[in-house]
Amino acid sequence: MLYDIKLKITYKYDNDADVSRHIVRLVPADLPGEQRLVAGTLTIRPKPDEWINRVDFFGNKNVELAFLNLHREITFSVQARIERMDSISFLDMSPRLSNLASEIAGYQGVGSWAPHHFVGPSLRVPIDKSTTEYARNIIKDDTSVLDAIKAIGSALYRDMRYDPEATTVETPMLEAFKCRHGVCQDFSHIMIACLRGIGIPAGYVSGFLRTIPPPGKTRLEGADAMHAWVRAWCGSNMGWIEFDPTNDMLTGTDHVVIARGRDYSDVAPIKGVMRTHGEHTSKQAVDVIPIKQ
């Protein structure tokens, strides 16, 4: 599937910022066998005084920016063309859940996607008794790892309420879980905590999701969304799979990857520091446009 992707994010500040520095992850990833970045550009206004291209531990490309002059607004724009490979049906070759710990222990290597990095707590995902017990109550017997992942993702879809007004990017995962509401970031962090609590390595994926309008309705410009979902390890034979708990599905060609890590703190689209005072507002528009071939 071929897509044109357009993104525009604008931040406006009540007062001038005289210095700011940001790390930006907004351009879709180039992932052999999964998705191909045909072309991609990141444009920033005003023009940054410093621009450094980097690659992090998990292989995500990012840009470090610095603004050294007064500014009251920053606009980040992305234009990209992506080829998303068709999903391949696969057999469940994952081990029984009771055997996964021994597979993790026997895994040799500490590369960026070794399962060892994804079993313990991370900055935004504590391993808590409440999420672990929730997961254990869903997994009634010694099921396969893949079936456990799908069961927990489906249970969260059933038990959680999607509410864009309920949480912010800084809301603790356990607070969202206690109230059983939130957005894709909350769904994903909660699912990661559940999986890690029962011994399944799990990480976080940021990206884009193409939305499909109701029958008879036209597609609204700017109505697509940045999105988040879960990456989980199904043992040495099967490797990593991805599940979207917000939509109760294994990911497919409508999911476009930007970055992968342990949780949101590893892959935040834009994060940084600045010297200013007062409040700020932000506005975002995303288009994921399928290209007829």
Protein backbone atom coordinates (compact mmCIF):
# COMPACT_ATOMS: atom_id res chain seq x y z
CA MET A 1 0.00 0.00 0.00
CA LEU A 2 1.32 3.41 -1.01
CA TYR A 3 0.54 6.52 1.05
CA ASP A 4 1.25 10.22 0.92
CA ILE A 5 1.54 11.54 4.48
CA LYS A 6 1.20 15.18 5.47
CA LEU A 7 1.65 16.44 9.02
CA LYS A 8 1.62 19.93 10.48
CA ILE A 9 2.11 20.73 14.18
CA THR A 10 2.17 24.32 15.40
CA TYR A 11 3.12 25.49 18.89
CA LYS A 12 2.27 29.04 19.98
CA TYR A 13 3.55 30.63 23.20
CA ASP A 14 2.07 33.45 25.27
CA ASN A 15 5.49 35.06 25.50
CA ASP A 16 8.73 34.92 23.56
CA ALA A 17 11.10 32.02 24.12
CA ASP A 18 14.69 33.19 23.81
CA VAL A 19 16.32 29.74 23.76
CA SER A 20 14.88 26.28 23.09
CA ARG A 21 16.19 22.84 22.18
CA HIS A 22 14.13 19.94 20.82
CA ILE A 23 14.44 16.30 19.73
CA VAL A 24 12.05 15.54 16.85
CA ARG A 25 10.85 12.14 15.61
CA LEU A 26 8.17 12.79 12.98
CA VAL A 27 9.35 11.31 9.68
CA PRO A 28 8.13 7.74 8.97
CA ALA A 29 10.77 5.05 9.39
CA ASP A 30 12.41 3.07 6.61
CA LEU A 31 12.04 -0.58 7.68
CA PRO A 32 13.23 -3.29 5.29
CA GLY A 33 10.46 -5.81 4.61
CA GLU A 34 7.87 -3.71 6.47
CA GLN A 35 7.69 -0.22 5.01
CA ARG A 36 9.77 1.78 2.56
CA LEU A 37 10.32 5.51 2.85
CA VAL A 38 10.14 6.58 -0.79
CA ALA A 39 10.69 10.24 0.08
CA GLY A 40 10.39 12.34 3.21
CA THR A 41 11.09 15.92 4.25
CA LEU A 42 10.89 17.70 7.59
CA THR A 43 10.46 21.48 7.45
CA ILE A 44 10.63 23.74 10.50
CA ARG A 45 9.72 27.42 10.79
CA PRO A 46 11.44 29.53 11.97
CA LYS A 47 14.66 28.01 10.72
CA PRO A 48 16.60 26.40 13.58
CA ASP A 49 20.05 27.74 14.43
CA GLU A 50 21.31 24.18 14.95
CA TRP A 51 20.24 20.95 13.21
CA ILE A 52 21.87 17.60 14.03
CA ASN A 53 20.71 14.29 12.53
CA ARG A 54 21.01 11.35 14.93
CA VAL A 55 20.09 7.66 15.28
CA ASP A 56 19.15 6.39 18.75
CA PHE A 57 19.85 3.03 20.41
CA PHE A 58 16.67 1.49 18.97
CA GLY A 59 17.54 2.53 15.40
CA ASN A 60 15.10 5.46 15.24
CA LYS A 61 16.21 8.47 13.24
CA ASN A 62 15.70 11.80 14.97
CA VAL A 63 16.74 15.42 14.64
CA GLU A 64 18.15 17.57 17.44
CA LEU A 65 17.29 21.26 16.98
CA ALA A 66 18.19 24.47 18.76
CA PHE A 67 16.67 27.96 18.48
CA LEU A 68 18.94 30.68 19.83
CA ASN A 69 16.84 33.73 18.96
CA LEU A 70 13.49 35.03 20.20
CA HIS A 71 10.48 33.12 18.87
CA ARG A 72 6.82 32.85 19.85
CA GLU A 73 5.75 30.11 17.44
CA ILE A 74 7.26 26.94 15.92
CA THR A 75 5.73 24.93 13.07
CA PHE A 76 6.86 21.39 12.22
CA SER A 77 5.77 20.06 8.81
CA VAL A 78 6.32 16.63 7.27
CA GLN A 79 5.65 15.47 3.74
CA ALA A 80 6.41 11.84 2.97
CA ARG A 81 5.56 9.01 0.64
CA ILE A 82 5.52 5.54 2.22
CA GLU A 83 5.10 2.06 0.78
CA ARG A 84 3.60 -0.14 3.51
CA MET A 85 4.08 -3.84 2.79
CA ASP A 86 1.07 -6.14 2.97
CA SER A 87 0.73 -8.03 6.22
CA ILE A 88 1.69 -11.69 5.96
CA SER A 89 -0.49 -14.30 7.60
CA PHE A 90 1.54 -16.36 10.03
CA LEU A 91 1.19 -19.49 12.07
CA ASP A 92 1.39 -19.27 15.84
CA MET A 93 4.92 -20.54 16.51
CA SER A 94 5.19 -18.85 19.89
CA PRO A 95 6.04 -20.97 22.95
CA ARG A 96 3.72 -21.68 25.84
CA LEU A 97 3.74 -18.82 28.30
CA SER A 98 5.35 -21.07 30.95
CA ASN A 99 8.35 -21.66 28.63
CA LEU A 100 8.96 -18.04 27.63
CA ALA A 101 11.20 -17.15 30.59
CA SER A 102 13.69 -19.86 29.64
CA GLU A 103 13.74 -18.60 26.02
CA ILE A 104 14.46 -15.07 27.23
CA ALA A 105 17.22 -16.33 29.53
CA GLY A 106 18.75 -18.29 26.67
CA TYR A 107 18.67 -15.40 24.21
CA GLN A 108 22.24 -14.43 23.39
CA GLY A 109 22.78 -10.81 22.48
CA VAL A 110 22.09 -7.37 23.85
CA GLY A 111 21.25 -5.53 20.63
CA SER A 112 18.56 -2.88 20.53
CA TRP A 113 15.74 -5.40 20.08
CA ALA A 114 16.96 -8.12 22.42
CA PRO A 115 14.00 -9.07 24.65
CA HIS A 116 16.05 -8.36 27.79
CA HIS A 117 15.49 -4.60 27.33
CA PHE A 118 11.70 -4.97 27.39
CA VAL A 119 10.87 -7.13 30.42
CA GLY A 120 11.43 -4.73 33.31
CA PRO A 121 9.86 -1.40 34.27
CA SER A 122 10.64 1.70 32.22
CA LEU A 123 10.17 5.40 32.82
CA ARG A 124 6.46 5.49 31.92
CA VAL A 125 5.59 1.84 32.55
CA PRO A 126 5.91 0.60 36.13
CA ILE A 127 5.20 -3.06 36.75
CA ASP A 128 2.36 -2.94 39.24
CA LYS A 129 0.32 -5.54 41.10
CA SER A 130 -2.95 -4.17 39.66
CA THR A 131 -2.01 -4.53 35.98
CA THR A 132 -0.27 -7.87 36.55
CA GLU A 133 -3.32 -9.34 38.33
CA TYR A 134 -5.57 -8.00 35.58
CA ALA A 135 -3.46 -9.82 32.99
CA ARG A 136 -3.31 -13.04 35.01
CA ASN A 137 -7.10 -13.07 35.37
CA ILE A 138 -7.41 -12.96 31.58
CA ILE A 139 -4.89 -15.75 30.99
CA LYS A 140 -6.68 -18.70 32.57
CA ASP A 141 -4.39 -21.47 31.43
CA ASP A 142 -0.93 -22.04 29.96
CA THR A 143 -1.77 -20.52 26.59
CA SER A 144 0.62 -19.62 23.81
CA VAL A 145 2.38 -16.26 24.07
CA LEU A 146 0.65 -14.96 20.93
CA ASP A 147 -2.79 -15.92 22.24
CA ALA A 148 -1.96 -14.23 25.56
CA ILE A 149 -1.00 -11.00 23.77
CA LYS A 150 -4.21 -10.97 21.73
CA ALA A 151 -6.37 -11.84 24.75
CA ILE A 152 -4.96 -9.01 26.86
CA GLY A 153 -5.24 -6.49 24.01
CA SER A 154 -8.86 -7.49 23.37
CA ALA A 155 -9.71 -7.30 27.08
CA LEU A 156 -8.36 -3.75 27.31
CA TYR A 157 -10.39 -2.77 24.27
CA ARG A 158 -13.47 -4.17 26.01
CA ASP A 159 -12.80 -2.72 29.46
CA MET A 160 -11.27 0.67 28.62
CA ARG A 161 -13.16 3.69 27.29
CA TYR A 162 -11.50 5.82 24.62
CA ASP A 163 -11.78 9.43 25.80
CA PRO A 164 -9.48 12.13 24.36
CA GLU A 165 -10.50 14.52 27.14
CA ALA A 166 -9.72 12.18 30.03
CA THR A 167 -5.91 12.23 30.03
CA THR A 168 -2.93 14.26 28.88
CA VAL A 169 0.48 13.18 27.66
CA GLU A 170 1.70 13.42 31.26
CA THR A 171 -1.08 11.36 32.91
CA PRO A 172 0.46 8.40 34.80
CA MET A 173 -0.35 5.03 33.29
CA LEU A 174 -1.77 3.67 36.56
CA GLU A 175 -4.18 6.60 36.86
CA ALA A 176 -5.57 5.89 33.38
CA PHE A 177 -5.84 2.19 34.24
CA LYS A 178 -7.64 2.85 37.52
CA CYS A 179 -10.22 5.04 35.75
CA ARG A 180 -10.36 2.71 32.71
CA HIS A 181 -10.22 5.52 30.18
CA GLY A 182 -7.69 7.33 28.01
CA VAL A 183 -6.22 7.55 24.52
CA CYS A 184 -3.94 5.34 22.44
CA GLN A 185 -0.89 6.25 24.55
CA ASP A 186 -2.70 5.08 27.69
CA PHE A 187 -4.04 1.89 26.07
CA SER A 188 -0.53 1.04 24.88
CA HIS A 189 1.26 1.76 28.16
CA ILE A 190 -1.30 -0.27 30.11
CA MET A 191 -1.00 -3.22 27.73
CA ILE A 192 2.81 -3.07 27.97
CA ALA A 193 2.57 -3.14 31.78
CA CYS A 194 0.20 -6.13 31.64
CA LEU A 195 2.47 -8.07 29.29
CA ARG A 196 5.68 -7.35 31.19
CA GLY A 197 3.95 -8.25 34.44
CA ILE A 198 3.41 -11.80 33.20
CA GLY A 199 6.85 -12.07 31.62
CA ILE A 200 6.22 -11.07 27.99
CA PRO A 201 8.71 -8.50 26.61
CA ALA A 202 6.81 -5.53 25.21
CA GLY A 203 7.57 -2.10 23.75
CA TYR A 204 5.88 1.00 22.36
CA VAL A 205 5.39 2.09 18.74
CA SER A 206 4.55 5.60 17.56
CA GLY A 207 3.21 6.22 14.08
CA PHE A 208 0.30 7.23 11.92
CA LEU A 209 -3.08 5.57 11.47
CA ARG A 210 -5.21 5.98 8.37
CA THR A 211 -8.84 6.50 9.31
CA ILE A 212 -11.59 5.29 6.98
CA PRO A 213 -14.71 7.49 6.76
CA PRO A 214 -18.17 5.96 7.22
CA PRO A 215 -19.86 4.64 4.05
CA GLY A 216 -21.14 7.49 1.92
CA LYS A 217 -19.02 10.10 3.70
CA THR A 218 -16.07 11.91 2.16
CA ARG A 219 -12.66 11.83 3.74
CA LEU A 220 -12.00 14.94 5.84
CA GLU A 221 -8.68 16.66 5.24
CA GLY A 222 -6.51 16.62 8.34
CA ALA A 223 -8.72 14.06 10.10
CA ASP A 224 -6.20 11.22 10.30
CA ALA A 225 -4.13 10.86 13.44
CA MET A 226 -0.82 10.19 15.06
CA HIS A 227 -1.20 6.91 16.88
CA ALA A 228 0.48 4.44 19.23
CA TRP A 229 0.38 0.67 19.63
CA VAL A 230 2.32 -2.24 21.20
CA ARG A 231 5.21 -4.42 20.05
CA ALA A 232 5.60 -7.76 21.83
CA TRP A 233 8.10 -10.62 21.65
CA CYS A 234 6.69 -14.06 20.84
CA GLY A 235 9.81 -16.14 21.39
CA SER A 236 12.88 -16.94 19.30
CA ASN A 237 11.01 -18.66 16.45
CA MET A 238 8.37 -15.99 15.92
CA GLY A 239 10.06 -12.79 17.06
CA TRP A 240 8.21 -9.50 17.39
CA ILE A 241 4.57 -8.83 16.50
CA GLU A 242 2.52 -5.64 16.87
CA PHE A 243 -0.97 -5.23 18.33
CA ASP A 244 -3.20 -2.14 18.48
CA PRO A 245 -5.27 -2.34 21.71
CA THR A 246 -7.14 0.89 20.94
CA ASN A 247 -8.69 -0.87 17.93
CA ASP A 248 -8.41 -4.53 19.04
CA MET A 249 -6.35 -5.71 16.09
CA LEU A 250 -2.99 -6.90 14.92
CA THR A 251 -1.44 -4.03 13.00
CA GLY A 252 -1.75 -3.89 9.24
CA THR A 253 -1.12 -1.68 6.25
CA ASP A 254 -3.07 1.23 7.78
CA HIS A 255 -0.44 1.51 10.56
CA VAL A 256 2.66 3.51 9.53
CA VAL A 257 5.63 3.34 11.91
CA ILE A 258 7.63 6.39 12.99
CA ALA A 259 9.65 5.01 15.92
CA ARG A 260 9.87 2.13 18.41
CA GLY A 261 11.13 1.99 21.99
CA ARG A 262 10.35 0.90 25.55
CA ASP A 263 7.63 3.50 26.10
CA TYR A 264 6.57 6.99 25.01
CA SER A 265 9.61 8.61 26.61
CA ASP A 266 11.87 6.83 24.07
CA VAL A 267 9.87 7.87 21.00
CA ALA A 268 8.07 11.14 21.80
CA PRO A 269 7.41 12.93 18.49
CA ILE A 270 8.63 16.26 19.88
CA LYS A 271 10.27 16.88 23.24
CA GLY A 272 12.53 19.59 24.51
CA VAL A 273 13.27 22.45 26.86
CA MET A 274 12.94 26.21 26.50
CA ARG A 275 13.38 29.42 28.45
CA THR A 276 10.10 31.32 28.56
CA HIS A 277 7.05 31.88 30.79
CA GLY A 278 3.29 31.63 30.40
CA GLU A 279 1.16 29.04 28.62
CA HIS A 280 1.31 27.56 25.15
CA THR A 281 -1.16 26.02 22.71
CA SER A 282 -0.66 23.44 19.96
CA LYS A 283 -2.54 22.49 16.82
CA GLN A 284 -2.11 19.32 14.78
CA ALA A 285 -3.35 18.11 11.39
CA VAL A 286 -2.52 14.73 9.82
CA ASP A 287 -3.37 13.29 6.41
CA VAL A 288 -2.62 9.69 5.40
CA ILE A 289 -3.71 9.57 1.76
CA PRO A 290 -3.77 6.25 -0.13
CA ILE A 291 -2.27 6.43 -3.62
CA LYS A 292 -3.95 4.40 -6.35
CA GLN A 293 -1.53 2.15 -8.21
